[in-house]
Amino acid sequence: MKVNILAIGVHPDDVELSCSGTLLRHIDLGYSVGLLDLTRGEMGTRGTAKTRKKEGLDAAKIMGAEFRETLNLGDGFFELNKKNKKKIIKVIRSCQPEIILANTLSDRHPDHGRAAQLITDASFLAGLRKVETKKDGKKQKAWRPKVVYHYIQDHTLHPDLVVDITPYMDKKLACILAYKTQFFDPKAKVKGPQTPISGEDFFESIKAKNRVHGRYINAKFGEGFNIVRPIGVSDLLNLS
């Protein structure tokens, strides 16, 4: 299925935590969105790959995404190799997004920055005709997205652009809360070990970061992104 935006995260919940407000806004604008998880999140301290899969599908339903796919590249140990790049290329060529949202360029978790490079490489290579991939036995056509935007995760990075997500903050939190095993849930029957993201105050840090990003554009809440190449603009008066 063709989509306008493909949001890729190395772990299930990366997208919800960092750019779900942006996706919700664009779905409301009439654009289609697909989700791709590079791993099953099997190295997470709380929950299992099985619970993360169900939670991810629940979050995608809340968001209104067209699909959610998982590649199982290996949480914590995936490599920047030809095999993994071609797996991502197949998805890109299949859904032909104009925009890709990808993991942050550098972060506390080593998977995040490494995934950013893997996604960037795959996005470029997907446009080369001599890179051959097949789906259902048929050769795929080359396709390169117009741009890759890297959402900001744990580290405090200065954004190159910010999307106003003020009307979508509550629904963003609902998407995140679909991951019941990962985050604070007072009604949870099964309690796991405490982690940096499992405390009740973690949601305050999410809102605080979105408030800081929003302040850059005079909005209550915003989500920031970094770019590798300059953005092409045809009308300066359409920028805020």
C-alpha atoms as a PDB file:
ATOM      1  CA  MET A   1       0.000   0.000   0.000  1.00  0.00           C
ATOM      2  CA  LYS A   2       1.352   3.409  -0.978  1.00  0.00           C
ATOM      3  CA  VAL A   3       1.596   5.962   1.835  1.00  0.00           C
ATOM      4  CA  ASN A   4       2.663   9.592   2.024  1.00  0.00           C
ATOM      5  CA  ILE A   5       4.784   9.129   5.150  1.00  0.00           C
ATOM      6  CA  LEU A   6       6.692   6.089   6.409  1.00  0.00           C
ATOM      7  CA  ALA A   7       7.761   6.396  10.050  1.00  0.00           C
ATOM      8  CA  ILE A   8      10.561   3.999  10.963  1.00  0.00           C
ATOM      9  CA  GLY A   9      11.761   3.135  14.447  1.00  0.00           C
ATOM     10  CA  VAL A  10      14.408   0.641  15.475  1.00  0.00           C
ATOM     11  CA  HIS A  11      12.292  -0.313  18.518  1.00  0.00           C
ATOM     12  CA  PRO A  12       8.529  -0.529  18.901  1.00  0.00           C
ATOM     13  CA  ASP A  13       7.490   2.718  20.703  1.00  0.00           C
ATOM     14  CA  ASP A  14      10.295   4.878  19.196  1.00  0.00           C
ATOM     15  CA  VAL A  15       7.814   6.396  16.744  1.00  0.00           C
ATOM     16  CA  GLU A  16       5.093   6.935  19.360  1.00  0.00           C
ATOM     17  CA  LEU A  17       7.468   8.628  21.792  1.00  0.00           C
ATOM     18  CA  SER A  18       9.125  10.931  19.282  1.00  0.00           C
ATOM     19  CA  CYS A  19       6.913  11.738  16.291  1.00  0.00           C
ATOM     20  CA  SER A  20       3.384  10.387  16.822  1.00  0.00           C
ATOM     21  CA  GLY A  21       2.015  13.913  17.280  1.00  0.00           C
ATOM     22  CA  THR A  22       3.377  14.818  13.835  1.00  0.00           C
ATOM     23  CA  LEU A  23       1.847  11.685  12.332  1.00  0.00           C
ATOM     24  CA  LEU A  24      -1.525  12.378  13.967  1.00  0.00           C
ATOM     25  CA  ARG A  25      -1.505  15.907  12.582  1.00  0.00           C
ATOM     26  CA  HIS A  26      -0.754  14.729   9.045  1.00  0.00           C
ATOM     27  CA  ILE A  27      -3.362  11.967   9.187  1.00  0.00           C
ATOM     28  CA  ASP A  28      -5.871  14.673  10.116  1.00  0.00           C
ATOM     29  CA  LEU A  29      -4.686  16.638   7.084  1.00  0.00           C
ATOM     30  CA  GLY A  30      -5.600  13.681   4.885  1.00  0.00           C
ATOM     31  CA  TYR A  31      -2.175  12.107   4.409  1.00  0.00           C
ATOM     32  CA  SER A  32      -1.571   8.375   4.780  1.00  0.00           C
ATOM     33  CA  VAL A  33       0.973   6.936   7.214  1.00  0.00           C
ATOM     34  CA  GLY A  34       2.736   3.580   7.517  1.00  0.00           C
ATOM     35  CA  LEU A  35       4.868   2.310  10.414  1.00  0.00           C
ATOM     36  CA  LEU A  36       7.958   0.111  10.312  1.00  0.00           C
ATOM     37  CA  ASP A  37       9.794  -1.359  13.316  1.00  0.00           C
ATOM     38  CA  LEU A  38      13.290  -2.622  12.535  1.00  0.00           C
ATOM     39  CA  THR A  39      13.367  -4.951  15.562  1.00  0.00           C
ATOM     40  CA  ARG A  40      10.880  -6.615  17.905  1.00  0.00           C
ATOM     41  CA  GLY A  41      12.311  -4.805  20.935  1.00  0.00           C
ATOM     42  CA  GLU A  42      13.236  -8.179  22.398  1.00  0.00           C
ATOM     43  CA  MET A  43      16.054  -6.749  24.527  1.00  0.00           C
ATOM     44  CA  GLY A  44      13.700  -4.444  26.442  1.00  0.00           C
ATOM     45  CA  THR A  45      13.861  -4.885  30.224  1.00  0.00           C
ATOM     46  CA  ARG A  46      10.077  -5.056  30.592  1.00  0.00           C
ATOM     47  CA  GLY A  47       7.627  -7.093  28.563  1.00  0.00           C
ATOM     48  CA  THR A  48       8.420  -9.471  25.692  1.00  0.00           C
ATOM     49  CA  ALA A  49       8.610  -9.335  21.911  1.00  0.00           C
ATOM     50  CA  LYS A  50       5.117 -10.854  21.851  1.00  0.00           C
ATOM     51  CA  THR A  51       3.600  -8.202  24.125  1.00  0.00           C
ATOM     52  CA  ARG A  52       5.412  -5.432  22.261  1.00  0.00           C
ATOM     53  CA  LYS A  53       3.899  -6.645  18.973  1.00  0.00           C
ATOM     54  CA  LYS A  54       0.366  -6.469  20.363  1.00  0.00           C
ATOM     55  CA  GLU A  55       1.020  -3.091  21.972  1.00  0.00           C
ATOM     56  CA  GLY A  56       2.453  -1.748  18.708  1.00  0.00           C
ATOM     57  CA  LEU A  57      -0.633  -2.834  16.783  1.00  0.00           C
ATOM     58  CA  ASP A  58      -2.860  -1.216  19.429  1.00  0.00           C
ATOM     59  CA  ALA A  59      -0.887   2.031  19.142  1.00  0.00           C
ATOM     60  CA  ALA A  60      -1.115   1.953  15.331  1.00  0.00           C
ATOM     61  CA  LYS A  61      -4.892   1.547  15.586  1.00  0.00           C
ATOM     62  CA  ILE A  62      -5.193   4.533  17.939  1.00  0.00           C
ATOM     63  CA  MET A  63      -3.039   6.574  15.576  1.00  0.00           C
ATOM     64  CA  GLY A  64      -4.890   5.557  12.416  1.00  0.00           C
ATOM     65  CA  ALA A  65      -1.850   4.201  10.540  1.00  0.00           C
ATOM     66  CA  GLU A  66      -2.441   2.188   7.376  1.00  0.00           C
ATOM     67  CA  PHE A  67      -0.113  -0.625   8.419  1.00  0.00           C
ATOM     68  CA  ARG A  68       2.602  -1.658  10.850  1.00  0.00           C
ATOM     69  CA  GLU A  69       5.395  -4.017   9.814  1.00  0.00           C
ATOM     70  CA  THR A  70       8.313  -5.536  11.754  1.00  0.00           C
ATOM     71  CA  LEU A  71      11.623  -6.629  10.218  1.00  0.00           C
ATOM     72  CA  ASN A  72      13.263  -8.438  13.172  1.00  0.00           C
ATOM     73  CA  LEU A  73      16.813  -7.235  12.398  1.00  0.00           C
ATOM     74  CA  GLY A  74      18.020  -8.020  15.927  1.00  0.00           C
ATOM     75  CA  ASP A  75      17.526  -5.646  18.862  1.00  0.00           C
ATOM     76  CA  GLY A  76      20.873  -4.351  20.101  1.00  0.00           C
ATOM     77  CA  PHE A  77      22.992  -6.258  17.590  1.00  0.00           C
ATOM     78  CA  PHE A  78      21.810  -5.395  14.075  1.00  0.00           C
ATOM     79  CA  GLU A  79      24.532  -4.421  11.612  1.00  0.00           C
ATOM     80  CA  LEU A  80      24.882  -1.863   8.835  1.00  0.00           C
ATOM     81  CA  ASN A  81      25.124  -4.493   6.143  1.00  0.00           C
ATOM     82  CA  LYS A  82      23.723  -5.201   2.689  1.00  0.00           C
ATOM     83  CA  LYS A  83      21.180  -7.753   3.946  1.00  0.00           C
ATOM     84  CA  ASN A  84      19.563  -5.361   6.416  1.00  0.00           C
ATOM     85  CA  LYS A  85      19.587  -2.440   3.999  1.00  0.00           C
ATOM     86  CA  LYS A  86      17.813  -4.503   1.363  1.00  0.00           C
ATOM     87  CA  LYS A  87      15.100  -5.500   3.853  1.00  0.00           C
ATOM     88  CA  ILE A  88      14.320  -1.810   4.417  1.00  0.00           C
ATOM     89  CA  ILE A  89      14.594  -1.059   0.697  1.00  0.00           C
ATOM     90  CA  LYS A  90      11.882  -3.644  -0.008  1.00  0.00           C
ATOM     91  CA  VAL A  91       9.468  -1.878   2.357  1.00  0.00           C
ATOM     92  CA  ILE A  92      10.297   1.567   0.945  1.00  0.00           C
ATOM     93  CA  ARG A  93       9.723   0.375  -2.614  1.00  0.00           C
ATOM     94  CA  SER A  94       6.536  -1.383  -1.609  1.00  0.00           C
ATOM     95  CA  CYS A  95       4.811   1.624   0.008  1.00  0.00           C
ATOM     96  CA  GLN A  96       6.615   4.408  -1.936  1.00  0.00           C
ATOM     97  CA  PRO A  97       6.602   7.143   0.738  1.00  0.00           C
ATOM     98  CA  GLU A  98       7.382  10.744  -0.125  1.00  0.00           C
ATOM     99  CA  ILE A  99       8.733  11.370   3.377  1.00  0.00           C
ATOM    100  CA  ILE A 100      10.509   9.079   5.824  1.00  0.00           C
ATOM    101  CA  LEU A 101      10.721   9.831   9.538  1.00  0.00           C
ATOM    102  CA  ALA A 102      13.712   8.046  11.073  1.00  0.00           C
ATOM    103  CA  ASN A 103      15.557   7.587  14.350  1.00  0.00           C
ATOM    104  CA  THR A 104      17.659  10.375  15.795  1.00  0.00           C
ATOM    105  CA  LEU A 105      21.158  11.014  14.454  1.00  0.00           C
ATOM    106  CA  SER A 106      22.833  10.350  17.834  1.00  0.00           C
ATOM    107  CA  ASP A 107      21.527   9.255  21.212  1.00  0.00           C
ATOM    108  CA  ARG A 108      22.075   7.502  24.535  1.00  0.00           C
ATOM    109  CA  HIS A 109      20.922   4.169  23.079  1.00  0.00           C
ATOM    110  CA  PRO A 110      23.481   3.011  20.471  1.00  0.00           C
ATOM    111  CA  ASP A 111      20.720   1.438  18.345  1.00  0.00           C
ATOM    112  CA  HIS A 112      19.170   4.836  17.612  1.00  0.00           C
ATOM    113  CA  GLY A 113      22.070   6.512  15.826  1.00  0.00           C
ATOM    114  CA  ARG A 114      23.007   3.286  14.071  1.00  0.00           C
ATOM    115  CA  ALA A 115      19.437   2.884  12.838  1.00  0.00           C
ATOM    116  CA  ALA A 116      19.461   6.473  11.559  1.00  0.00           C
ATOM    117  CA  GLN A 117      22.428   5.636   9.328  1.00  0.00           C
ATOM    118  CA  LEU A 118      20.894   2.341   8.201  1.00  0.00           C
ATOM    119  CA  ILE A 119      17.620   4.046   7.235  1.00  0.00           C
ATOM    120  CA  THR A 120      19.416   6.914   5.465  1.00  0.00           C
ATOM    121  CA  ASP A 121      21.509   4.471   3.437  1.00  0.00           C
ATOM    122  CA  ALA A 122      18.480   2.351   2.525  1.00  0.00           C
ATOM    123  CA  SER A 123      16.456   5.416   1.516  1.00  0.00           C
ATOM    124  CA  PHE A 124      19.156   6.438  -0.958  1.00  0.00           C
ATOM    125  CA  LEU A 125      19.848   2.955  -2.293  1.00  0.00           C
ATOM    126  CA  ALA A 126      16.122   2.337  -2.836  1.00  0.00           C
ATOM    127  CA  GLY A 127      16.343   4.846  -5.696  1.00  0.00           C
ATOM    128  CA  LEU A 128      19.061   2.964  -7.570  1.00  0.00           C
ATOM    129  CA  ARG A 129      17.695   0.754 -10.357  1.00  0.00           C
ATOM    130  CA  LYS A 130      20.640  -1.630 -10.213  1.00  0.00           C
ATOM    131  CA  VAL A 131      19.871  -2.495  -6.587  1.00  0.00           C
ATOM    132  CA  GLU A 132      17.480  -5.378  -7.194  1.00  0.00           C
ATOM    133  CA  THR A 133      14.751  -6.491  -4.818  1.00  0.00           C
ATOM    134  CA  LYS A 134      11.694  -8.673  -5.264  1.00  0.00           C
ATOM    135  CA  LYS A 135       8.324  -8.929  -3.562  1.00  0.00           C
ATOM    136  CA  ASP A 136       6.026 -11.899  -4.146  1.00  0.00           C
ATOM    137  CA  GLY A 137       8.417 -13.024  -6.854  1.00  0.00           C
ATOM    138  CA  LYS A 138       8.156  -9.776  -8.820  1.00  0.00           C
ATOM    139  CA  LYS A 139      10.982  -7.299  -9.321  1.00  0.00           C
ATOM    140  CA  GLN A 140      10.355  -4.016  -7.508  1.00  0.00           C
ATOM    141  CA  LYS A 141      10.737  -0.633  -9.144  1.00  0.00           C
ATOM    142  CA  ALA A 142      13.267   1.839  -7.777  1.00  0.00           C
ATOM    143  CA  TRP A 143      11.824   4.481  -5.453  1.00  0.00           C
ATOM    144  CA  ARG A 144      13.528   7.209  -3.437  1.00  0.00           C
ATOM    145  CA  PRO A 145      11.656   9.366  -0.899  1.00  0.00           C
ATOM    146  CA  LYS A 146      11.954  13.119  -1.285  1.00  0.00           C
ATOM    147  CA  VAL A 147      13.455  13.591   2.162  1.00  0.00           C
ATOM    148  CA  VAL A 148      14.365  11.877   5.442  1.00  0.00           C
ATOM    149  CA  TYR A 149      13.647  13.724   8.687  1.00  0.00           C
ATOM    150  CA  HIS A 150      15.233  12.462  11.920  1.00  0.00           C
ATOM    151  CA  TYR A 151      13.052  12.807  15.001  1.00  0.00           C
ATOM    152  CA  ILE A 152      14.708  13.755  18.290  1.00  0.00           C
ATOM    153  CA  GLN A 153      14.787  11.134  21.037  1.00  0.00           C
ATOM    154  CA  ASP A 154      16.531  11.060  24.423  1.00  0.00           C
ATOM    155  CA  HIS A 155      19.414  13.488  23.912  1.00  0.00           C
ATOM    156  CA  THR A 156      18.620  17.191  23.862  1.00  0.00           C
ATOM    157  CA  LEU A 157      19.379  18.196  20.281  1.00  0.00           C
ATOM    158  CA  HIS A 158      18.581  21.527  18.681  1.00  0.00           C
ATOM    159  CA  PRO A 159      15.818  20.952  16.082  1.00  0.00           C
ATOM    160  CA  ASP A 160      16.154  22.111  12.482  1.00  0.00           C
ATOM    161  CA  LEU A 161      12.378  22.155  12.122  1.00  0.00           C
ATOM    162  CA  VAL A 162       9.447  21.838  14.520  1.00  0.00           C
ATOM    163  CA  VAL A 163       5.896  20.618  13.924  1.00  0.00           C
ATOM    164  CA  ASP A 164       3.099  22.104  16.039  1.00  0.00           C
ATOM    165  CA  ILE A 165       1.384  19.164  17.785  1.00  0.00           C
ATOM    166  CA  THR A 166      -0.606  21.162  20.337  1.00  0.00           C
ATOM    167  CA  PRO A 167      -4.059  19.717  19.410  1.00  0.00           C
ATOM    168  CA  TYR A 168      -2.643  16.183  19.394  1.00  0.00           C
ATOM    169  CA  MET A 169      -0.704  15.998  22.659  1.00  0.00           C
ATOM    170  CA  ASP A 170      -3.364  13.991  24.517  1.00  0.00           C
ATOM    171  CA  LYS A 171      -3.756  11.501  21.679  1.00  0.00           C
ATOM    172  CA  LYS A 172       0.027  11.178  21.427  1.00  0.00           C
ATOM    173  CA  LEU A 173       0.098  10.157  25.091  1.00  0.00           C
ATOM    174  CA  ALA A 174      -2.679   7.651  24.394  1.00  0.00           C
ATOM    175  CA  CYS A 175      -0.540   6.090  21.652  1.00  0.00           C
ATOM    176  CA  ILE A 176       2.394   5.822  24.061  1.00  0.00           C
ATOM    177  CA  LEU A 177       0.222   4.333  26.814  1.00  0.00           C
ATOM    178  CA  ALA A 178      -0.728   1.492  24.470  1.00  0.00           C
ATOM    179  CA  TYR A 179       2.659   0.062  25.512  1.00  0.00           C
ATOM    180  CA  LYS A 180       1.366  -1.056  28.898  1.00  0.00           C
ATOM    181  CA  THR A 181       4.388  -3.181  29.751  1.00  0.00           C
ATOM    182  CA  GLN A 182       6.870  -0.376  29.086  1.00  0.00           C
ATOM    183  CA  PHE A 183       5.418   2.642  30.844  1.00  0.00           C
ATOM    184  CA  PHE A 184       3.728   3.535  34.113  1.00  0.00           C
ATOM    185  CA  ASP A 185       0.296   1.979  34.447  1.00  0.00           C
ATOM    186  CA  PRO A 186      -1.292   2.037  37.935  1.00  0.00           C
ATOM    187  CA  LYS A 187      -3.797  -0.632  36.841  1.00  0.00           C
ATOM    188  CA  ALA A 188      -1.190  -3.054  35.519  1.00  0.00           C
ATOM    189  CA  LYS A 189      -1.492  -6.524  37.014  1.00  0.00           C
ATOM    190  CA  VAL A 190       2.092  -7.463  36.212  1.00  0.00           C
ATOM    191  CA  LYS A 191       4.828  -5.196  37.510  1.00  0.00           C
ATOM    192  CA  GLY A 192       8.272  -5.311  35.888  1.00  0.00           C
ATOM    193  CA  PRO A 193      11.673  -3.949  36.944  1.00  0.00           C
ATOM    194  CA  GLN A 194      11.970  -0.197  37.145  1.00  0.00           C
ATOM    195  CA  THR A 195      13.633   1.481  34.164  1.00  0.00           C
ATOM    196  CA  PRO A 196      14.363   5.106  33.165  1.00  0.00           C
ATOM    197  CA  ILE A 197      11.032   5.180  31.267  1.00  0.00           C
ATOM    198  CA  SER A 198       8.755   3.189  33.599  1.00  0.00           C
ATOM    199  CA  GLY A 199       8.195   5.842  36.277  1.00  0.00           C
ATOM    200  CA  GLU A 200       5.122   8.056  36.465  1.00  0.00           C
ATOM    201  CA  ASP A 201       7.250  11.177  36.019  1.00  0.00           C
ATOM    202  CA  PHE A 202       8.510  10.034  32.599  1.00  0.00           C
ATOM    203  CA  PHE A 203       5.394  11.440  30.949  1.00  0.00           C
ATOM    204  CA  GLU A 204       6.176  14.828  32.435  1.00  0.00           C
ATOM    205  CA  SER A 205       9.573  14.713  30.735  1.00  0.00           C
ATOM    206  CA  ILE A 206       7.895  13.936  27.394  1.00  0.00           C
ATOM    207  CA  LYS A 207       5.552  16.895  27.755  1.00  0.00           C
ATOM    208  CA  ALA A 208       8.422  19.115  28.915  1.00  0.00           C
ATOM    209  CA  LYS A 209      10.493  18.281  25.818  1.00  0.00           C
ATOM    210  CA  ASN A 210       7.508  18.939  23.568  1.00  0.00           C
ATOM    211  CA  ARG A 211       6.914  22.243  25.365  1.00  0.00           C
ATOM    212  CA  VAL A 212      10.519  23.279  24.734  1.00  0.00           C
ATOM    213  CA  HIS A 213      10.247  22.397  21.050  1.00  0.00           C
ATOM    214  CA  GLY A 214       6.907  24.146  20.814  1.00  0.00           C
ATOM    215  CA  ARG A 215       8.374  27.309  22.277  1.00  0.00           C
ATOM    216  CA  TYR A 216      10.702  27.635  19.266  1.00  0.00           C
ATOM    217  CA  ILE A 217       7.641  28.192  17.045  1.00  0.00           C
ATOM    218  CA  ASN A 218       5.383  29.924  19.570  1.00  0.00           C
ATOM    219  CA  ALA A 219       3.230  26.822  20.080  1.00  0.00           C
ATOM    220  CA  LYS A 220       2.302  25.013  23.304  1.00  0.00           C
ATOM    221  CA  PHE A 221       3.676  21.642  22.158  1.00  0.00           C
ATOM    222  CA  GLY A 222       5.961  20.707  19.265  1.00  0.00           C
ATOM    223  CA  GLU A 223       8.033  17.837  17.928  1.00  0.00           C
ATOM    224  CA  GLY A 224      11.522  18.595  16.654  1.00  0.00           C
ATOM    225  CA  PHE A 225      13.388  17.047  13.747  1.00  0.00           C
ATOM    226  CA  ASN A 226      16.936  17.186  12.381  1.00  0.00           C
ATOM    227  CA  ILE A 227      17.898  17.077   8.719  1.00  0.00           C
ATOM    228  CA  VAL A 228      21.058  15.987   6.906  1.00  0.00           C
ATOM    229  CA  ARG A 229      20.550  18.061   3.765  1.00  0.00           C
ATOM    230  CA  PRO A 230      18.912  21.516   3.344  1.00  0.00           C
ATOM    231  CA  ILE A 231      15.173  21.625   2.703  1.00  0.00           C
ATOM    232  CA  GLY A 232      14.103  22.960  -0.688  1.00  0.00           C
ATOM    233  CA  VAL A 233      11.573  25.795  -0.421  1.00  0.00           C
ATOM    234  CA  SER A 234       9.577  27.394  -3.247  1.00  0.00           C
ATOM    235  CA  ASP A 235       7.497  29.866  -1.215  1.00  0.00           C
ATOM    236  CA  LEU A 236       9.000  31.565   1.845  1.00  0.00           C
ATOM    237  CA  LEU A 237       5.615  33.039   2.793  1.00  0.00           C
ATOM    238  CA  ASN A 238       4.219  29.558   3.453  1.00  0.00           C
ATOM    239  CA  LEU A 239       6.739  28.974   6.246  1.00  0.00           C
ATOM    240  CA  SER A 240       5.867  29.856   9.827  1.00  0.00           C
END
